[in-house]
Amino acid sequence: AITPPIIAAIAKKNPSREFETKFILQSYQLGMAMRKGQPELMAAVNGWIKTNLANGVLNEIHLKYAGVPIPQEIIDGAK
């Protein structure tokens, strides 16, 4: 079992080889911790995420650094 970002990195270094994901064993969500008592900060971060998830910017960032798009179940859970 290999994570999608690792597969993307291997494929980038070996463009002549083709990889195909057969199935995903498990996916997980990551979060960000914030200090309590800062509702303005949380609202700003949540607003940025909502805006940039809707316009595709967050997915572009994830694709750039993780090598794969944001999983659909994560996108669906954010709505």
PDB file of N, CA and C in Angstrom:
ATOM      1  N   ALA A   1       0.846  -1.181   0.000  1.00  0.00           N
ATOM      2  CA  ALA A   1       0.000   0.000   0.000  1.00  0.00           C
ATOM      3  C   ALA A   1       0.885   1.236   0.000  1.00  0.00           C
ATOM      4  N   ILE A   2       0.563   2.151  -0.878  1.00  0.00           N
ATOM      5  CA  ILE A   2       1.319   3.391  -1.016  1.00  0.00           C
ATOM      6  C   ILE A   2       0.315   4.534  -1.085  1.00  0.00           C
ATOM      7  N   THR A   3       0.671   5.660  -0.499  1.00  0.00           N
ATOM      8  CA  THR A   3      -0.229   6.806  -0.527  1.00  0.00           C
ATOM      9  C   THR A   3      -0.215   7.462  -1.901  1.00  0.00           C
ATOM     10  N   PRO A   4      -1.334   8.084  -2.305  1.00  0.00           N
ATOM     11  CA  PRO A   4      -1.387   8.749  -3.610  1.00  0.00           C
ATOM     12  C   PRO A   4      -0.272   9.774  -3.836  1.00  0.00           C
ATOM     13  N   PRO A   5       0.123  10.588  -2.829  1.00  0.00           N
ATOM     14  CA  PRO A   5       1.240  11.515  -3.078  1.00  0.00           C
ATOM     15  C   PRO A   5       2.548  10.804  -3.410  1.00  0.00           C
ATOM     16  N   ILE A   6       2.786   9.650  -2.795  1.00  0.00           N
ATOM     17  CA  ILE A   6       4.013   8.903  -3.098  1.00  0.00           C
ATOM     18  C   ILE A   6       3.943   8.339  -4.512  1.00  0.00           C
ATOM     19  N   ILE A   7       2.781   7.826  -4.904  1.00  0.00           N
ATOM     20  CA  ILE A   7       2.613   7.335  -6.273  1.00  0.00           C
ATOM     21  C   ILE A   7       2.867   8.458  -7.265  1.00  0.00           C
ATOM     22  N   ALA A   8       2.340   9.649  -6.985  1.00  0.00           N
ATOM     23  CA  ALA A   8       2.543  10.798  -7.879  1.00  0.00           C
ATOM     24  C   ALA A   8       4.020  11.154  -7.977  1.00  0.00           C
ATOM     25  N   ALA A   9       4.737  11.115  -6.865  1.00  0.00           N
ATOM     26  CA  ALA A   9       6.170  11.434  -6.876  1.00  0.00           C
ATOM     27  C   ALA A   9       6.958  10.392  -7.663  1.00  0.00           C
ATOM     28  N   ILE A  10       6.622   9.121  -7.491  1.00  0.00           N
ATOM     29  CA  ILE A  10       7.300   8.057  -8.239  1.00  0.00           C
ATOM     30  C   ILE A  10       7.013   8.202  -9.727  1.00  0.00           C
ATOM     31  N   ALA A  11       5.764   8.472 -10.074  1.00  0.00           N
ATOM     32  CA  ALA A  11       5.386   8.632 -11.481  1.00  0.00           C
ATOM     33  C   ALA A  11       6.097   9.822 -12.114  1.00  0.00           C
ATOM     34  N   LYS A  12       6.286  10.888 -11.340  1.00  0.00           N
ATOM     35  CA  LYS A  12       6.972  12.072 -11.860  1.00  0.00           C
ATOM     36  C   LYS A  12       8.434  11.760 -12.173  1.00  0.00           C
ATOM     37  N   LYS A  13       9.067  10.946 -11.339  1.00  0.00           N
ATOM     38  CA  LYS A  13      10.469  10.584 -11.560  1.00  0.00           C
ATOM     39  C   LYS A  13      10.626   9.499 -12.620  1.00  0.00           C
ATOM     40  N   ASN A  14       9.547   8.779 -12.903  1.00  0.00           N
ATOM     41  CA  ASN A  14       9.566   7.691 -13.883  1.00  0.00           C
ATOM     42  C   ASN A  14       8.419   7.873 -14.873  1.00  0.00           C
ATOM     43  N   PRO A  15       8.481   8.907 -15.730  1.00  0.00           N
ATOM     44  CA  PRO A  15       7.346   9.199 -16.607  1.00  0.00           C
ATOM     45  C   PRO A  15       7.018   8.088 -17.602  1.00  0.00           C
ATOM     46  N   SER A  16       7.970   7.203 -17.873  1.00  0.00           N
ATOM     47  CA  SER A  16       7.701   6.123 -18.826  1.00  0.00           C
ATOM     48  C   SER A  16       6.858   5.002 -18.212  1.00  0.00           C
ATOM     49  N   ARG A  17       6.759   4.977 -16.893  1.00  0.00           N
ATOM     50  CA  ARG A  17       5.965   3.946 -16.216  1.00  0.00           C
ATOM     51  C   ARG A  17       4.576   4.480 -15.921  1.00  0.00           C
ATOM     52  N   GLU A  18       3.593   3.638 -16.074  1.00  0.00           N
ATOM     53  CA  GLU A  18       2.219   4.031 -15.790  1.00  0.00           C
ATOM     54  C   GLU A  18       1.742   3.318 -14.531  1.00  0.00           C
ATOM     55  N   PHE A  19       1.146   4.079 -13.630  1.00  0.00           N
ATOM     56  CA  PHE A  19       0.623   3.528 -12.388  1.00  0.00           C
ATOM     57  C   PHE A  19      -0.886   3.694 -12.370  1.00  0.00           C
ATOM     58  N   GLU A  20      -1.559   2.736 -11.794  1.00  0.00           N
ATOM     59  CA  GLU A  20      -3.009   2.791 -11.699  1.00  0.00           C
ATOM     60  C   GLU A  20      -3.415   2.427 -10.276  1.00  0.00           C
ATOM     61  N   THR A  21      -4.231   3.260  -9.664  1.00  0.00           N
ATOM     62  CA  THR A  21      -4.738   2.961  -8.330  1.00  0.00           C
ATOM     63  C   THR A  21      -5.855   1.936  -8.472  1.00  0.00           C
ATOM     64  N   LYS A  22      -5.695   0.811  -7.825  1.00  0.00           N
ATOM     65  CA  LYS A  22      -6.714  -0.249  -7.893  1.00  0.00           C
ATOM     66  C   LYS A  22      -7.809  -0.020  -6.855  1.00  0.00           C
ATOM     67  N   PHE A  23      -7.406   0.348  -5.652  1.00  0.00           N
ATOM     68  CA  PHE A  23      -8.376   0.644  -4.602  1.00  0.00           C
ATOM     69  C   PHE A  23      -7.678   1.429  -3.501  1.00  0.00           C
ATOM     70  N   ILE A  24      -8.470   2.119  -2.694  1.00  0.00           N
ATOM     71  CA  ILE A  24      -7.949   2.904  -1.578  1.00  0.00           C
ATOM     72  C   ILE A  24      -8.355   2.199  -0.290  1.00  0.00           C
ATOM     73  N   LEU A  25      -7.363   1.862   0.519  1.00  0.00           N
ATOM     74  CA  LEU A  25      -7.636   1.172   1.777  1.00  0.00           C
ATOM     75  C   LEU A  25      -8.265   2.099   2.802  1.00  0.00           C
ATOM     76  N   GLN A  26      -7.718   3.304   2.903  1.00  0.00           N
ATOM     77  CA  GLN A  26      -8.180   4.227   3.930  1.00  0.00           C
ATOM     78  C   GLN A  26      -7.796   5.642   3.539  1.00  0.00           C
ATOM     79  N   SER A  27      -8.658   6.573   3.845  1.00  0.00           N
ATOM     80  CA  SER A  27      -8.303   7.983   3.713  1.00  0.00           C
ATOM     81  C   SER A  27      -8.582   8.642   5.056  1.00  0.00           C
ATOM     82  N   TYR A  28      -7.970   9.766   5.286  1.00  0.00           N
ATOM     83  CA  TYR A  28      -8.142  10.433   6.570  1.00  0.00           C
ATOM     84  C   TYR A  28      -8.096  11.940   6.371  1.00  0.00           C
ATOM     85  N   GLN A  29      -8.687  12.623   7.317  1.00  0.00           N
ATOM     86  CA  GLN A  29      -8.722  14.074   7.269  1.00  0.00           C
ATOM     87  C   GLN A  29      -7.700  14.639   8.242  1.00  0.00           C
ATOM     88  N   LEU A  30      -7.147  15.759   7.870  1.00  0.00           N
ATOM     89  CA  LEU A  30      -6.244  16.490   8.748  1.00  0.00           C
ATOM     90  C   LEU A  30      -6.934  17.777   9.157  1.00  0.00           C
ATOM     91  N   GLY A  31      -6.554  18.309  10.277  1.00  0.00           N
ATOM     92  CA  GLY A  31      -7.162  19.538  10.753  1.00  0.00           C
ATOM     93  C   GLY A  31      -6.122  20.534  11.206  1.00  0.00           C
ATOM     94  N   MET A  32      -6.592  21.685  11.590  1.00  0.00           N
ATOM     95  CA  MET A  32      -5.720  22.746  12.069  1.00  0.00           C
ATOM     96  C   MET A  32      -6.188  23.139  13.461  1.00  0.00           C
ATOM     97  N   ALA A  33      -5.272  23.236  14.385  1.00  0.00           N
ATOM     98  CA  ALA A  33      -5.611  23.652  15.747  1.00  0.00           C
ATOM     99  C   ALA A  33      -5.524  25.171  15.850  1.00  0.00           C
ATOM    100  N   MET A  34      -6.459  25.744  16.596  1.00  0.00           N
ATOM    101  CA  MET A  34      -6.455  27.188  16.843  1.00  0.00           C
ATOM    102  C   MET A  34      -6.695  27.423  18.320  1.00  0.00           C
ATOM    103  N   ARG A  35      -6.138  28.499  18.805  1.00  0.00           N
ATOM    104  CA  ARG A  35      -6.323  28.869  20.201  1.00  0.00           C
ATOM    105  C   ARG A  35      -7.787  29.231  20.446  1.00  0.00           C
ATOM    106  N   LYS A  36      -8.310  28.786  21.584  1.00  0.00           N
ATOM    107  CA  LYS A  36      -9.682  29.135  21.953  1.00  0.00           C
ATOM    108  C   LYS A  36      -9.792  30.635  22.166  1.00  0.00           C
ATOM    109  N   GLY A  37     -11.006  31.138  21.971  1.00  0.00           N
ATOM    110  CA  GLY A  37     -11.263  32.545  22.241  1.00  0.00           C
ATOM    111  C   GLY A  37     -10.876  33.478  21.110  1.00  0.00           C
ATOM    112  N   GLN A  38     -10.670  32.939  19.922  1.00  0.00           N
ATOM    113  CA  GLN A  38     -10.353  33.773  18.762  1.00  0.00           C
ATOM    114  C   GLN A  38     -11.344  33.478  17.637  1.00  0.00           C
ATOM    115  N   PRO A  39     -12.615  33.811  17.854  1.00  0.00           N
ATOM    116  CA  PRO A  39     -13.631  33.496  16.847  1.00  0.00           C
ATOM    117  C   PRO A  39     -13.406  34.226  15.521  1.00  0.00           C
ATOM    118  N   GLU A  40     -12.782  35.400  15.570  1.00  0.00           N
ATOM    119  CA  GLU A  40     -12.523  36.133  14.324  1.00  0.00           C
ATOM    120  C   GLU A  40     -11.512  35.379  13.460  1.00  0.00           C
ATOM    121  N   LEU A  41     -10.483  34.826  14.103  1.00  0.00           N
ATOM    122  CA  LEU A  41      -9.486  34.051  13.368  1.00  0.00           C
ATOM    123  C   LEU A  41     -10.124  32.805  12.766  1.00  0.00           C
ATOM    124  N   MET A  42     -10.927  32.094  13.566  1.00  0.00           N
ATOM    125  CA  MET A  42     -11.567  30.888  13.057  1.00  0.00           C
ATOM    126  C   MET A  42     -12.513  31.220  11.905  1.00  0.00           C
ATOM    127  N   ALA A  43     -13.255  32.309  12.017  1.00  0.00           N
ATOM    128  CA  ALA A  43     -14.158  32.714  10.939  1.00  0.00           C
ATOM    129  C   ALA A  43     -13.376  33.068   9.677  1.00  0.00           C
ATOM    130  N   ALA A  44     -12.239  33.737   9.844  1.00  0.00           N
ATOM    131  CA  ALA A  44     -11.418  34.105   8.687  1.00  0.00           C
ATOM    132  C   ALA A  44     -10.848  32.867   8.004  1.00  0.00           C
ATOM    133  N   VAL A  45     -10.333  31.923   8.786  1.00  0.00           N
ATOM    134  CA  VAL A  45      -9.768  30.688   8.216  1.00  0.00           C
ATOM    135  C   VAL A  45     -10.865  29.871   7.542  1.00  0.00           C
ATOM    136  N   ASN A  46     -11.997  29.691   8.216  1.00  0.00           N
ATOM    137  CA  ASN A  46     -13.101  28.938   7.624  1.00  0.00           C
ATOM    138  C   ASN A  46     -13.624  29.609   6.360  1.00  0.00           C
ATOM    139  N   GLY A  47     -13.683  30.936   6.362  1.00  0.00           N
ATOM    140  CA  GLY A  47     -14.110  31.672   5.170  1.00  0.00           C
ATOM    141  C   GLY A  47     -13.148  31.481   4.014  1.00  0.00           C
ATOM    142  N   TRP A  48     -11.848  31.532   4.322  1.00  0.00           N
ATOM    143  CA  TRP A  48     -10.838  31.327   3.279  1.00  0.00           C
ATOM    144  C   TRP A  48     -10.964  29.923   2.686  1.00  0.00           C
ATOM    145  N   ILE A  49     -11.127  28.933   3.559  1.00  0.00           N
ATOM    146  CA  ILE A  49     -11.266  27.551   3.085  1.00  0.00           C
ATOM    147  C   ILE A  49     -12.506  27.409   2.211  1.00  0.00           C
ATOM    148  N   LYS A  50     -13.632  27.923   2.666  1.00  0.00           N
ATOM    149  CA  LYS A  50     -14.880  27.802   1.904  1.00  0.00           C
ATOM    150  C   LYS A  50     -14.761  28.477   0.544  1.00  0.00           C
ATOM    151  N   THR A  51     -14.222  29.694   0.520  1.00  0.00           N
ATOM    152  CA  THR A  51     -14.070  30.432  -0.735  1.00  0.00           C
ATOM    153  C   THR A  51     -13.140  29.709  -1.692  1.00  0.00           C
ATOM    154  N   ASN A  52     -11.987  29.281  -1.188  1.00  0.00           N
ATOM    155  CA  ASN A  52     -10.979  28.687  -2.058  1.00  0.00           C
ATOM    156  C   ASN A  52     -11.255  27.229  -2.397  1.00  0.00           C
ATOM    157  N   LEU A  53     -12.104  26.580  -1.631  1.00  0.00           N
ATOM    158  CA  LEU A  53     -12.574  25.257  -2.022  1.00  0.00           C
ATOM    159  C   LEU A  53     -13.563  25.405  -3.180  1.00  0.00           C
ATOM    160  N   ALA A  54     -14.438  26.414  -3.082  1.00  0.00           N
ATOM    161  CA  ALA A  54     -15.441  26.641  -4.126  1.00  0.00           C
ATOM    162  C   ALA A  54     -14.823  27.090  -5.447  1.00  0.00           C
ATOM    163  N   ASN A  55     -13.772  27.921  -5.392  1.00  0.00           N
ATOM    164  CA  ASN A  55     -13.196  28.441  -6.639  1.00  0.00           C
ATOM    165  C   ASN A  55     -12.057  27.582  -7.189  1.00  0.00           C
ATOM    166  N   GLY A  56     -11.717  26.489  -6.498  1.00  0.00           N
ATOM    167  CA  GLY A  56     -10.706  25.565  -6.996  1.00  0.00           C
ATOM    168  C   GLY A  56      -9.280  25.855  -6.567  1.00  0.00           C
ATOM    169  N   VAL A  57      -9.039  26.983  -5.911  1.00  0.00           N
ATOM    170  CA  VAL A  57      -7.675  27.343  -5.513  1.00  0.00           C
ATOM    171  C   VAL A  57      -7.122  26.356  -4.483  1.00  0.00           C
ATOM    172  N   LEU A  58      -7.935  25.956  -3.521  1.00  0.00           N
ATOM    173  CA  LEU A  58      -7.464  25.025  -2.494  1.00  0.00           C
ATOM    174  C   LEU A  58      -7.082  23.680  -3.121  1.00  0.00           C
ATOM    175  N   ASN A  59      -7.856  23.237  -4.093  1.00  0.00           N
ATOM    176  CA  ASN A  59      -7.530  21.989  -4.780  1.00  0.00           C
ATOM    177  C   ASN A  59      -6.228  22.121  -5.567  1.00  0.00           C
ATOM    178  N   GLU A  60      -5.991  23.276  -6.188  1.00  0.00           N
ATOM    179  CA  GLU A  60      -4.732  23.511  -6.906  1.00  0.00           C
ATOM    180  C   GLU A  60      -3.540  23.463  -5.946  1.00  0.00           C
ATOM    181  N   ILE A  61      -3.697  24.052  -4.773  1.00  0.00           N
ATOM    182  CA  ILE A  61      -2.627  24.029  -3.769  1.00  0.00           C
ATOM    183  C   ILE A  61      -2.365  22.590  -3.328  1.00  0.00           C
ATOM    184  N   HIS A  62      -3.426  21.859  -3.049  1.00  0.00           N
ATOM    185  CA  HIS A  62      -3.283  20.459  -2.634  1.00  0.00           C
ATOM    186  C   HIS A  62      -2.618  19.639  -3.733  1.00  0.00           C
ATOM    187  N   LEU A  63      -3.020  19.848  -4.961  1.00  0.00           N
ATOM    188  CA  LEU A  63      -2.434  19.134  -6.100  1.00  0.00           C
ATOM    189  C   LEU A  63      -0.950  19.447  -6.239  1.00  0.00           C
ATOM    190  N   LYS A  64      -0.588  20.711  -6.036  1.00  0.00           N
ATOM    191  CA  LYS A  64       0.813  21.119  -6.159  1.00  0.00           C
ATOM    192  C   LYS A  64       1.688  20.431  -5.112  1.00  0.00           C
ATOM    193  N   TYR A  65       1.234  20.392  -3.872  1.00  0.00           N
ATOM    194  CA  TYR A  65       2.073  19.886  -2.791  1.00  0.00           C
ATOM    195  C   TYR A  65       1.863  18.406  -2.478  1.00  0.00           C
ATOM    196  N   ALA A  66       0.663  17.876  -2.700  1.00  0.00           N
ATOM    197  CA  ALA A  66       0.401  16.464  -2.407  1.00  0.00           C
ATOM    198  C   ALA A  66       0.493  15.597  -3.659  1.00  0.00           C
ATOM    199  N   GLY A  67       0.414  16.238  -4.833  1.00  0.00           N
ATOM    200  CA  GLY A  67       0.518  15.493  -6.079  1.00  0.00           C
ATOM    201  C   GLY A  67      -0.778  14.859  -6.542  1.00  0.00           C
ATOM    202  N   VAL A  68      -1.836  15.040  -5.773  1.00  0.00           N
ATOM    203  CA  VAL A  68      -3.145  14.482  -6.114  1.00  0.00           C
ATOM    204  C   VAL A  68      -4.220  15.498  -5.727  1.00  0.00           C
ATOM    205  N   PRO A  69      -5.388  15.439  -6.369  1.00  0.00           N
ATOM    206  CA  PRO A  69      -6.468  16.348  -5.976  1.00  0.00           C
ATOM    207  C   PRO A  69      -7.018  16.005  -4.587  1.00  0.00           C
ATOM    208  N   ILE A  70      -7.734  16.941  -4.011  1.00  0.00           N
ATOM    209  CA  ILE A  70      -8.404  16.693  -2.733  1.00  0.00           C
ATOM    210  C   ILE A  70      -9.431  15.581  -2.958  1.00  0.00           C
ATOM    211  N   PRO A  71      -9.456  14.556  -2.103  1.00  0.00           N
ATOM    212  CA  PRO A  71     -10.439  13.477  -2.272  1.00  0.00           C
ATOM    213  C   PRO A  71     -11.871  14.014  -2.235  1.00  0.00           C
ATOM    214  N   GLN A  72     -12.723  13.446  -3.063  1.00  0.00           N
ATOM    215  CA  GLN A  72     -14.100  13.919  -3.175  1.00  0.00           C
ATOM    216  C   GLN A  72     -14.840  13.855  -1.846  1.00  0.00           C
ATOM    217  N   GLU A  73     -14.572  12.831  -1.029  1.00  0.00           N
ATOM    218  CA  GLU A  73     -15.281  12.736   0.254  1.00  0.00           C
ATOM    219  C   GLU A  73     -14.920  13.890   1.186  1.00  0.00           C
ATOM    220  N   ILE A  74     -13.728  14.444   1.039  1.00  0.00           N
ATOM    221  CA  ILE A  74     -13.332  15.614   1.828  1.00  0.00           C
ATOM    222  C   ILE A  74     -14.095  16.837   1.328  1.00  0.00           C
ATOM    223  N   ILE A  75     -14.165  16.982   0.020  1.00  0.00           N
ATOM    224  CA  ILE A  75     -14.896  18.112  -0.565  1.00  0.00           C
ATOM    225  C   ILE A  75     -16.365  18.034  -0.174  1.00  0.00           C
ATOM    226  N   ASP A  76     -16.953  16.844  -0.282  1.00  0.00           N
ATOM    227  CA  ASP A  76     -18.362  16.674   0.071  1.00  0.00           C
ATOM    228  C   ASP A  76     -18.612  16.960   1.547  1.00  0.00           C
ATOM    229  N   GLY A  77     -17.676  16.591   2.409  1.00  0.00           N
ATOM    230  CA  GLY A  77     -17.823  16.825   3.839  1.00  0.00           C
ATOM    231  C   GLY A  77     -17.698  18.282   4.226  1.00  0.00           C
ATOM    232  N   ALA A  78     -17.060  19.077   3.371  1.00  0.00           N
ATOM    233  CA  ALA A  78     -16.868  20.496   3.668  1.00  0.00           C
ATOM    234  C   ALA A  78     -18.079  21.327   3.284  1.00  0.00           C
ATOM    235  N   LYS A  79     -19.013  20.752   2.564  1.00  0.00           N
ATOM    236  CA  LYS A  79     -20.183  21.520   2.094  1.00  0.00           C
ATOM    237  C   LYS A  79     -21.254  21.597   3.143  1.00  0.00           C
TER     238      LYS A  79
END
